Amino acid sequence: MAADVPAGTSAETPGDVRATSLLPDVVRQRLVALAADALEHLHSDTLPPPLRPVLSFARPRRLRLAAAPIAAALDDDDFRTRVAAQVRPTHAGLAAALDDGLPVAADPVEVAALTYLLRPAGWTVTLAAALARLEQPESVSSDPPQTARVQERLDAARAELDSLRAAHREQVTALKGENTELRRRLASERTGAKQARHDVEGTLSELTRALADAERRTVEGQAERRRLQARLDDLTGDRTVARSADREARAKEAVRARLLLDTLVEAAQGLRRELALPPVQTRPADTVDGVAAGLPLGRTVARALASDDPALLRELVALPEAHLLVDGYNVTKLGWPATALDAQRARLSRELGPLAARSGAEVTVVFDGAELAHPPRISPPRGIRVRFSPPDVTADEVLIELVRAEPAGRPLVVVSSDAEVVAGVERAGARAVPSAALLALLGSRGGRTVSRSG
């Protein structure tokens, strides 16, 4: 035999061959490749400690970086046996031929590697034969499958190396970019921090100046407050003196006014006793046929107010002994035109009651009854006199007669928007006010809004 088992190895003692380092490199590389594939199916707890970190490597990286630990671990019979159990099913044909001791014409590298792993009967002879074939120069180079597999592994290793180099270059480029970005951000943060410190120092300086200015203004304000307080005390004393003087002056004027008023009252009482006039039992308005009392008024009251201003009418009826005469239908048809006449009369009489009670004025309402056979029955509130004009006499004529029946100088107010009535009562000495002013004073608008223009 051209080549026996490795030196120091006996064909009768299989266990004598233990060191994979005695095998040719090509056989040892194939053994490492088979073991590396088998590691995928072994539990980490069953692996030798040096191989446990290798389990997480990819196969190309495992072959490249962990070949020596794997080859050393194959010297352990227990580990080799577990690897052989994983390899046998994937190489069942060649394993069966080796078990039967049949001559095998397969790749001597594959035969040597499997023989070393599986250890069939007479495996040392089979291993020596395979190694002898490997010693023939043409055995590897002339075997196209073996050359192709070696070339494929070489190409795969080169491709993996190129991939790793490209990945490393990408990682280096990314790290350089991150480093550049971090440097840029660090410079920006430093610039920002420097600017922030500058801003804080400037703000602190401004706050210091502002605090000093505020303290100065506080001192000035306190001095000004003390000055103003002294001035206020002086003015308060002056006002007290002025009030005292004013009270004394008003008291003197009140004494003079009271003396004059007492003189006038005593003179009036003396004149009443001298004339011996009887008490007033009948009002002038009661003397006019079918009419209620009227309210004549001179032209000297509240001329600054518009004639249709309800404030003017309020002031007029508040005059002493005032008499308010109302052109009934002229007011009701303006305020409540859609209401029946009897309802209009009742509403006007009812709403005039509070006005008469508040003002104390005499109130007379005249309705046109010239075409009525019998005047309607009305129960007006207290203080309201309601009259209907007699047959063939209009309410306008009754209003004018009521005004003429009043003594000159008595305040008379006639509410009417009739131009003839207004002209007649003003010639007789009364004050005419539009119907809209009375409706506004009463707060009565009915179904429509009454304009100030009347």
Protein backbone atom coordinates (compact mmCIF):
# COMPACT_ATOMS: atom_id res chain seq x y z
CA MET A 1 0.00 0.00 0.00
CA ALA A 2 1.43 3.32 -1.04
CA ALA A 3 0.11 5.22 1.94
CA ASP A 4 -0.81 3.87 5.34
CA VAL A 5 -2.68 5.59 8.17
CA PRO A 6 -0.92 8.58 9.72
CA ALA A 7 2.35 7.94 11.47
CA GLY A 8 2.02 6.32 14.84
CA THR A 9 -1.36 4.83 13.90
CA SER A 10 -2.18 1.11 14.02
CA ALA A 11 -4.77 -0.51 11.80
CA GLU A 12 -5.79 -2.82 14.66
CA THR A 13 -6.33 -0.05 17.14
CA PRO A 14 -8.85 2.37 15.65
CA GLY A 15 -8.84 4.52 18.66
CA ASP A 16 -5.19 5.33 18.11
CA VAL A 17 -6.04 7.87 15.37
CA ARG A 18 -7.38 10.85 17.21
CA ALA A 19 -5.63 13.97 16.04
CA THR A 20 -7.29 15.59 13.03
CA SER A 21 -4.12 17.61 12.68
CA LEU A 22 -2.49 14.45 11.23
CA LEU A 23 -4.94 14.43 8.33
CA PRO A 24 -4.23 16.25 5.09
CA ASP A 25 -5.53 19.83 4.94
CA VAL A 26 -8.14 19.05 2.34
CA VAL A 27 -9.58 16.20 4.44
CA ARG A 28 -9.47 18.30 7.59
CA GLN A 29 -11.28 21.15 5.83
CA ARG A 30 -14.00 18.73 4.67
CA LEU A 31 -14.34 17.38 8.20
CA VAL A 32 -14.70 20.92 9.55
CA ALA A 33 -17.34 21.70 6.88
CA LEU A 34 -19.37 18.61 7.78
CA ALA A 35 -19.13 19.38 11.49
CA ALA A 36 -20.07 23.04 10.89
CA ASP A 37 -23.23 21.89 9.08
CA ALA A 38 -24.03 19.47 11.88
CA LEU A 39 -23.76 22.19 14.53
CA GLU A 40 -27.09 23.60 13.30
CA HIS A 41 -28.84 20.51 14.70
CA LEU A 42 -26.99 20.15 18.02
CA HIS A 43 -28.07 21.75 21.29
CA SER A 44 -25.65 24.24 22.76
CA ASP A 45 -25.52 22.36 26.06
CA THR A 46 -24.05 19.27 24.27
CA LEU A 47 -21.29 21.25 22.59
CA PRO A 48 -17.78 21.70 23.97
CA PRO A 49 -17.44 25.10 25.65
CA PRO A 50 -15.16 26.57 22.92
CA LEU A 51 -17.85 25.89 20.27
CA ARG A 52 -20.86 27.42 22.05
CA PRO A 53 -20.14 31.02 20.93
CA VAL A 54 -19.62 29.72 17.36
CA LEU A 55 -23.18 28.37 17.18
CA SER A 56 -24.61 31.86 16.45
CA PHE A 57 -22.23 32.47 13.48
CA ALA A 58 -23.36 32.16 9.88
CA ARG A 59 -21.97 29.08 8.10
CA PRO A 60 -19.36 30.93 5.97
CA ARG A 61 -18.20 32.90 8.97
CA ARG A 62 -18.18 29.72 11.07
CA LEU A 63 -15.93 27.99 8.52
CA ARG A 64 -13.65 30.99 8.33
CA LEU A 65 -13.30 31.92 11.98
CA ALA A 66 -14.01 28.67 13.87
CA ALA A 67 -12.22 26.01 11.80
CA ALA A 68 -9.51 25.41 14.37
CA PRO A 69 -11.86 24.99 17.38
CA ILE A 70 -14.11 22.66 15.36
CA ALA A 71 -11.14 20.53 14.21
CA ALA A 72 -9.85 20.28 17.76
CA ALA A 73 -13.31 19.35 19.07
CA LEU A 74 -13.49 16.42 16.57
CA ASP A 75 -10.71 14.74 18.51
CA ASP A 76 -13.34 14.22 21.24
CA ASP A 77 -15.06 10.86 20.49
CA ASP A 78 -18.32 11.96 22.10
CA PHE A 79 -18.58 15.13 19.99
CA ARG A 80 -17.45 13.22 16.87
CA THR A 81 -20.12 10.58 17.47
CA ARG A 82 -22.89 13.23 17.71
CA VAL A 83 -21.60 14.89 14.52
CA ALA A 84 -21.49 11.47 12.75
CA ALA A 85 -25.12 10.86 13.74
CA GLN A 86 -26.12 14.12 12.03
CA VAL A 87 -23.96 13.49 8.93
CA ARG A 88 -24.99 9.84 8.26
CA PRO A 89 -28.55 10.59 7.03
CA THR A 90 -27.30 13.19 4.55
CA HIS A 91 -24.74 10.76 3.07
CA ALA A 92 -26.69 7.52 3.42
CA GLY A 93 -25.40 5.83 0.20
CA LEU A 94 -21.72 6.39 0.86
CA ALA A 95 -22.17 5.54 4.56
CA ALA A 96 -23.84 2.21 3.65
CA ALA A 97 -21.01 1.31 1.26
CA LEU A 98 -18.44 2.07 3.93
CA ASP A 99 -20.34 -0.02 6.48
CA ASP A 100 -20.41 -2.99 4.05
CA GLY A 101 -16.66 -2.63 3.36
CA LEU A 102 -17.26 -2.25 -0.38
CA PRO A 103 -14.69 -0.48 -2.52
CA VAL A 104 -15.80 3.06 -3.18
CA ALA A 105 -14.84 5.01 -6.28
CA ALA A 106 -16.10 8.32 -4.89
CA ASP A 107 -14.06 11.41 -4.12
CA PRO A 108 -11.20 10.25 -1.85
CA VAL A 109 -11.57 13.46 0.24
CA GLU A 110 -15.24 12.67 0.89
CA VAL A 111 -14.44 8.99 1.59
CA ALA A 112 -11.63 9.88 3.99
CA ALA A 113 -13.73 12.46 5.84
CA LEU A 114 -16.76 10.15 6.24
CA THR A 115 -14.56 7.20 7.18
CA TYR A 116 -12.93 9.28 9.90
CA LEU A 117 -16.33 10.43 11.24
CA LEU A 118 -18.35 7.19 10.97
CA ARG A 119 -15.53 4.75 11.93
CA PRO A 120 -17.03 1.65 10.25
CA ALA A 121 -15.36 -1.79 10.71
CA GLY A 122 -11.86 -1.68 9.23
CA TRP A 123 -12.09 2.05 8.87
CA THR A 124 -8.34 2.51 9.22
CA VAL A 125 -7.76 0.44 6.06
CA THR A 126 -10.41 2.37 4.19
CA LEU A 127 -8.94 5.68 5.46
CA ALA A 128 -5.43 4.63 4.42
CA ALA A 129 -6.67 3.71 0.94
CA ALA A 130 -8.44 7.04 0.56
CA LEU A 131 -5.37 8.93 1.76
CA ALA A 132 -3.21 6.92 -0.69
CA ARG A 133 -5.45 8.03 -3.54
CA LEU A 134 -5.08 11.62 -2.35
CA GLU A 135 -1.29 11.32 -2.65
CA GLN A 136 -1.64 10.81 -6.38
CA PRO A 137 -1.27 14.26 -8.00
CA GLU A 138 -4.00 13.68 -10.52
CA SER A 139 -6.44 12.50 -7.87
CA VAL A 140 -7.53 16.01 -6.96
CA SER A 141 -6.69 18.05 -9.98
CA SER A 142 -8.06 15.47 -12.45
CA ASP A 143 -11.31 15.02 -10.54
CA PRO A 144 -13.71 17.65 -11.99
CA PRO A 145 -16.34 17.34 -9.23
CA GLN A 146 -13.80 17.82 -6.49
CA THR A 147 -12.20 20.79 -8.31
CA ALA A 148 -15.60 22.33 -8.91
CA ARG A 149 -16.56 21.99 -5.25
CA VAL A 150 -13.28 23.53 -4.14
CA GLN A 151 -13.72 26.33 -6.62
CA GLU A 152 -17.31 26.87 -5.45
CA ARG A 153 -16.18 27.07 -1.84
CA LEU A 154 -13.41 29.44 -2.85
CA ASP A 155 -15.85 31.61 -4.79
CA ALA A 156 -18.30 31.55 -1.89
CA ALA A 157 -15.56 32.52 0.52
CA ARG A 158 -14.48 35.36 -1.77
CA ALA A 159 -18.07 36.53 -2.23
CA GLU A 160 -18.63 36.46 1.50
CA LEU A 161 -15.37 38.33 2.02
CA ASP A 162 -16.44 40.96 -0.53
CA SER A 163 -19.87 41.21 1.10
CA LEU A 164 -18.29 41.59 4.52
CA ARG A 165 -15.90 44.21 3.17
CA ALA A 166 -18.78 46.12 1.54
CA ALA A 167 -20.83 45.89 4.75
CA HIS A 168 -17.85 47.06 6.74
CA ARG A 169 -17.30 49.94 4.34
CA GLU A 170 -20.97 50.90 4.64
CA GLN A 171 -20.76 50.70 8.42
CA VAL A 172 -17.58 52.78 8.41
CA THR A 173 -19.22 55.34 6.10
CA ALA A 174 -22.32 55.43 8.30
CA LEU A 175 -20.21 55.78 11.41
CA LYS A 176 -18.22 58.55 9.80
CA GLY A 177 -21.44 60.31 8.84
CA GLU A 178 -22.80 59.89 12.35
CA ASN A 179 -19.53 61.13 13.76
CA THR A 180 -19.63 64.17 11.46
CA GLU A 181 -23.26 64.85 12.40
CA LEU A 182 -22.45 64.46 16.10
CA ARG A 183 -19.51 66.84 15.75
CA ARG A 184 -21.72 69.33 13.94
CA ARG A 185 -24.44 69.04 16.58
CA LEU A 186 -21.85 69.32 19.33
CA ALA A 187 -20.49 72.50 17.75
CA SER A 188 -24.05 73.83 17.36
CA GLU A 189 -24.85 72.99 20.98
CA ARG A 190 -21.67 74.67 22.12
CA THR A 191 -22.52 77.75 20.08
CA GLY A 192 -26.07 77.71 21.46
CA ALA A 193 -24.80 77.31 25.00
CA LYS A 194 -22.38 80.16 24.52
CA GLN A 195 -25.14 82.36 23.10
CA ALA A 196 -27.45 81.32 25.94
CA ARG A 197 -24.82 82.26 28.51
CA HIS A 198 -24.38 85.58 26.74
CA ASP A 199 -28.15 86.15 26.72
CA VAL A 200 -28.43 85.21 30.38
CA GLU A 201 -25.65 87.58 31.30
CA GLY A 202 -27.30 90.36 29.28
CA THR A 203 -30.69 89.64 30.85
CA LEU A 204 -29.15 89.58 34.32
CA SER A 205 -27.50 92.93 33.64
CA GLU A 206 -30.82 94.38 32.42
CA LEU A 207 -32.63 92.99 35.46
CA THR A 208 -30.03 94.53 37.74
CA ARG A 209 -30.49 97.91 36.08
CA ALA A 210 -34.26 97.53 36.17
CA LEU A 211 -34.15 96.63 39.87
CA ALA A 212 -32.04 99.68 40.66
CA ASP A 213 -34.39 101.87 38.63
CA ALA A 214 -37.41 100.34 40.38
CA GLU A 215 -35.89 101.01 43.77
CA ARG A 216 -35.18 104.62 42.78
CA ARG A 217 -38.75 105.05 41.51
CA THR A 218 -40.08 103.48 44.69
CA VAL A 219 -38.23 106.02 46.79
CA GLU A 220 -39.46 108.85 44.57
CA GLY A 221 -43.00 107.46 44.67
CA GLN A 222 -42.97 107.29 48.44
CA ALA A 223 -41.80 110.89 48.63
CA GLU A 224 -44.51 111.95 46.14
CA ARG A 225 -47.12 110.00 48.11
CA ARG A 226 -46.13 111.81 51.30
CA ARG A 227 -46.35 115.14 49.49
CA LEU A 228 -49.77 114.30 48.02
CA GLN A 229 -50.97 113.03 51.39
CA ALA A 230 -49.99 116.36 52.97
CA ARG A 231 -51.78 118.20 50.14
CA LEU A 232 -54.84 115.96 50.61
CA ASP A 233 -54.87 116.71 54.32
CA ASP A 234 -54.74 120.44 53.54
CA LEU A 235 -57.57 120.13 51.00
CA THR A 236 -59.62 118.04 53.43
CA GLY A 237 -59.27 120.74 56.05
CA ASP A 238 -60.20 123.42 53.53
CA ARG A 239 -63.24 121.40 52.43
CA THR A 240 -64.33 120.96 56.03
CA VAL A 241 -64.09 124.70 56.56
CA ALA A 242 -65.93 125.35 53.29
CA ARG A 243 -68.69 122.91 54.18
CA SER A 244 -69.11 124.54 57.55
CA ALA A 245 -69.32 127.97 55.93
CA ASP A 246 -71.73 126.63 53.30
CA ARG A 247 -73.98 125.09 55.96
CA GLU A 248 -74.06 128.39 57.80
CA ALA A 249 -74.91 130.24 54.56
CA ARG A 250 -77.67 127.75 53.69
CA ALA A 251 -79.06 128.01 57.17
CA LYS A 252 -79.23 131.79 56.83
CA GLU A 253 -80.92 131.49 53.41
CA ALA A 254 -83.34 128.90 54.80
CA VAL A 255 -84.27 131.26 57.61
CA ARG A 256 -84.89 134.06 55.11
CA ALA A 257 -86.93 131.76 52.81
CA ARG A 258 -88.97 130.39 55.70
CA LEU A 259 -89.68 133.91 56.95
CA LEU A 260 -90.80 134.99 53.48
CA LEU A 261 -92.95 131.86 53.06
CA ASP A 262 -94.58 132.35 56.47
CA THR A 263 -95.31 135.97 55.51
CA LEU A 264 -96.95 134.85 52.23
CA VAL A 265 -98.98 132.12 53.97
CA GLU A 266 -100.21 134.50 56.65
CA ALA A 267 -101.07 137.07 53.96
CA ALA A 268 -103.03 134.45 51.97
CA GLN A 269 -104.85 133.29 55.06
CA GLY A 270 -105.68 136.87 55.94
CA LEU A 271 -106.95 137.45 52.39
CA ARG A 272 -109.07 134.27 52.60
CA ARG A 273 -110.57 135.44 55.90
CA GLU A 274 -111.19 138.93 54.50
CA LEU A 275 -112.88 137.69 51.32
CA ALA A 276 -114.82 134.97 53.21
CA LEU A 277 -114.84 132.69 50.11
CA PRO A 278 -116.84 129.46 50.51
CA PRO A 279 -115.13 126.02 50.02
CA VAL A 280 -114.93 124.69 46.41
CA GLN A 281 -117.70 122.12 45.90
CA THR A 282 -118.07 122.13 42.13
CA ARG A 283 -115.22 122.07 39.60
CA PRO A 284 -115.47 124.23 36.45
CA ALA A 285 -115.49 121.10 34.33
CA ASP A 286 -118.67 119.99 36.08
CA THR A 287 -120.46 123.07 34.75
CA VAL A 288 -119.95 122.09 31.08
CA ASP A 289 -122.80 120.02 29.70
CA GLY A 290 -121.78 116.39 29.09
CA VAL A 291 -118.10 117.02 29.69
CA ALA A 292 -115.45 116.09 32.24
CA ALA A 293 -113.06 118.56 33.88
CA GLY A 294 -110.16 119.84 31.78
CA LEU A 295 -106.53 120.66 32.45
CA PRO A 296 -105.55 124.14 31.16
CA LEU A 297 -101.90 125.06 31.30
CA GLY A 298 -99.88 128.11 30.47
CA ARG A 299 -96.90 128.14 28.12
CA THR A 300 -94.21 128.53 30.75
CA VAL A 301 -93.56 124.86 31.65
CA ALA A 302 -90.82 122.67 30.20
CA ARG A 303 -90.53 124.43 26.86
CA ALA A 304 -87.17 122.74 26.24
CA LEU A 305 -88.87 119.33 25.75
CA ALA A 306 -90.56 118.22 22.52
CA SER A 307 -94.33 118.34 22.53
CA ASP A 308 -94.59 114.56 21.97
CA ASP A 309 -92.05 113.72 24.69
CA PRO A 310 -93.74 111.74 27.51
CA ALA A 311 -91.38 113.47 29.97
CA LEU A 312 -93.06 116.78 29.12
CA LEU A 313 -96.51 115.33 29.83
CA ARG A 314 -95.22 113.85 33.13
CA GLU A 315 -93.99 117.27 34.26
CA LEU A 316 -97.22 119.01 33.19
CA VAL A 317 -99.58 116.72 35.10
CA ALA A 318 -97.36 117.03 38.19
CA LEU A 319 -98.07 120.77 38.46
CA PRO A 320 -100.28 121.84 41.39
CA GLU A 321 -104.01 121.68 40.61
CA ALA A 322 -103.30 120.46 37.05
CA HIS A 323 -106.24 119.31 34.92
CA LEU A 324 -105.66 116.69 32.21
CA LEU A 325 -108.28 116.60 29.42
CA VAL A 326 -108.14 113.65 27.02
CA ASP A 327 -109.66 113.44 23.54
CA GLY A 328 -110.78 109.82 24.11
CA TYR A 329 -111.22 108.29 20.67
CA ASN A 330 -108.27 110.27 19.26
CA VAL A 331 -106.05 108.41 21.76
CA THR A 332 -107.64 104.95 21.68
CA LYS A 333 -107.87 104.70 17.89
CA LEU A 334 -104.20 105.56 17.68
CA GLY A 335 -103.15 103.06 20.37
CA TRP A 336 -105.59 100.15 19.87
CA PRO A 337 -107.27 100.56 16.47
CA ALA A 338 -108.18 96.86 16.14
CA THR A 339 -110.06 96.76 19.47
CA ALA A 340 -113.82 97.35 19.84
CA LEU A 341 -114.86 100.86 20.97
CA ASP A 342 -116.20 99.72 24.34
CA ALA A 343 -112.94 97.87 25.02
CA GLN A 344 -111.00 100.97 23.94
CA ARG A 345 -112.94 103.18 26.39
CA ALA A 346 -112.54 100.72 29.27
CA ARG A 347 -108.79 100.30 28.67
CA LEU A 348 -108.10 104.02 28.47
CA SER A 349 -110.04 104.71 31.66
CA ARG A 350 -108.30 101.82 33.45
CA GLU A 351 -104.78 102.90 32.47
CA LEU A 352 -105.41 106.57 33.34
CA GLY A 353 -106.23 105.59 36.94
CA PRO A 354 -102.59 105.01 38.10
CA LEU A 355 -101.50 108.25 36.37
CA ALA A 356 -104.13 110.25 38.23
CA ALA A 357 -103.22 108.58 41.52
CA ARG A 358 -99.49 109.27 41.13
CA SER A 359 -99.74 112.86 39.89
CA GLY A 360 -102.81 114.02 41.86
CA ALA A 361 -104.07 115.75 38.73
CA GLU A 362 -107.73 116.04 37.80
CA VAL A 363 -108.39 113.82 34.76
CA THR A 364 -111.32 114.18 32.36
CA VAL A 365 -111.86 111.95 29.31
CA VAL A 366 -114.30 113.07 26.60
CA PHE A 367 -115.71 110.63 24.03
CA ASP A 368 -117.81 111.59 21.01
CA GLY A 369 -121.47 110.70 21.73
CA ALA A 370 -123.23 112.93 19.19
CA GLU A 371 -124.57 109.93 17.29
CA LEU A 372 -125.45 107.84 20.36
CA ALA A 373 -129.07 107.59 21.46
CA HIS A 374 -127.99 106.82 25.02
CA PRO A 375 -124.43 107.25 26.40
CA PRO A 376 -122.85 103.90 27.38
CA ARG A 377 -122.49 102.99 31.03
CA ILE A 378 -118.86 103.19 32.23
CA SER A 379 -117.43 102.66 35.70
CA PRO A 380 -114.14 104.59 35.55
CA PRO A 381 -111.49 104.27 38.28
CA ARG A 382 -111.43 106.73 41.13
CA GLY A 383 -110.21 110.17 40.06
CA ILE A 384 -111.19 109.69 36.39
CA ARG A 385 -114.15 111.67 34.98
CA VAL A 386 -115.65 110.28 31.75
CA ARG A 387 -118.01 112.40 29.60
CA PHE A 388 -119.76 111.90 26.27
CA SER A 389 -120.65 114.84 24.05
CA PRO A 390 -124.41 115.69 23.92
CA PRO A 391 -126.47 115.11 20.73
CA ASP A 392 -125.45 117.30 17.81
CA VAL A 393 -122.27 118.33 19.72
CA THR A 394 -118.82 116.92 18.96
CA ALA A 395 -116.23 115.93 21.52
CA ASP A 396 -113.94 118.62 20.07
CA GLU A 397 -116.43 121.33 21.01
CA VAL A 398 -116.86 119.86 24.51
CA LEU A 399 -113.07 119.92 25.06
CA ILE A 400 -112.88 123.59 24.05
CA GLU A 401 -115.81 124.48 26.37
CA LEU A 402 -114.08 122.64 29.25
CA VAL A 403 -110.95 124.72 28.73
CA ARG A 404 -112.94 127.96 28.62
CA ALA A 405 -114.77 127.00 31.83
CA GLU A 406 -111.50 126.86 33.83
CA PRO A 407 -110.16 129.98 35.58
CA ALA A 408 -107.23 131.73 33.98
CA GLY A 409 -103.87 130.58 35.31
CA ARG A 410 -104.83 126.99 36.15
CA PRO A 411 -102.55 124.40 34.49
CA LEU A 412 -104.59 122.77 31.70
CA VAL A 413 -103.25 120.01 29.43
CA VAL A 414 -105.29 118.70 26.49
CA VAL A 415 -104.22 115.39 24.90
CA SER A 416 -105.24 115.29 21.24
CA SER A 417 -103.66 115.03 17.82
CA ASP A 418 -106.65 116.69 16.12
CA ALA A 419 -105.42 119.97 14.56
CA GLU A 420 -108.74 121.77 15.15
CA VAL A 421 -108.83 120.72 18.80
CA VAL A 422 -105.22 121.76 19.31
CA ALA A 423 -105.84 125.18 17.75
CA GLY A 424 -109.02 125.74 19.74
CA VAL A 425 -107.67 124.79 23.17
CA GLU A 426 -104.45 126.76 22.67
CA ARG A 427 -106.48 129.87 21.85
CA ALA A 428 -108.44 129.25 25.06
CA GLY A 429 -105.17 129.16 27.09
CA ALA A 430 -104.50 125.38 27.45
CA ARG A 431 -101.39 123.36 26.55
CA ALA A 432 -101.89 120.74 23.80
CA VAL A 433 -99.94 117.45 23.81
CA PRO A 434 -100.09 114.76 21.05
CA SER A 435 -101.92 111.52 21.79
CA ALA A 436 -98.69 109.55 21.22
CA ALA A 437 -97.11 111.23 24.24
CA LEU A 438 -99.89 109.95 26.54
CA LEU A 439 -99.66 106.43 25.08
CA ALA A 440 -95.90 106.45 25.60
CA LEU A 441 -96.33 107.68 29.19
CA LEU A 442 -98.86 104.97 29.90
CA GLY A 443 -96.65 102.38 28.24
CA SER A 444 -99.55 101.35 26.03
CA ARG A 445 -98.74 100.43 22.41
CA GLY A 446 -101.55 98.03 21.66
CA GLY A 447 -101.08 96.08 18.51
CA ARG A 448 -98.64 98.53 16.89
CA THR A 449 -95.81 100.86 17.82
CA VAL A 450 -96.78 104.50 18.32
CA SER A 451 -94.20 106.86 16.84
CA ARG A 452 -92.99 109.99 18.65
CA SER A 453 -94.18 112.09 15.73
CA GLY A 454 -97.86 111.46 16.70
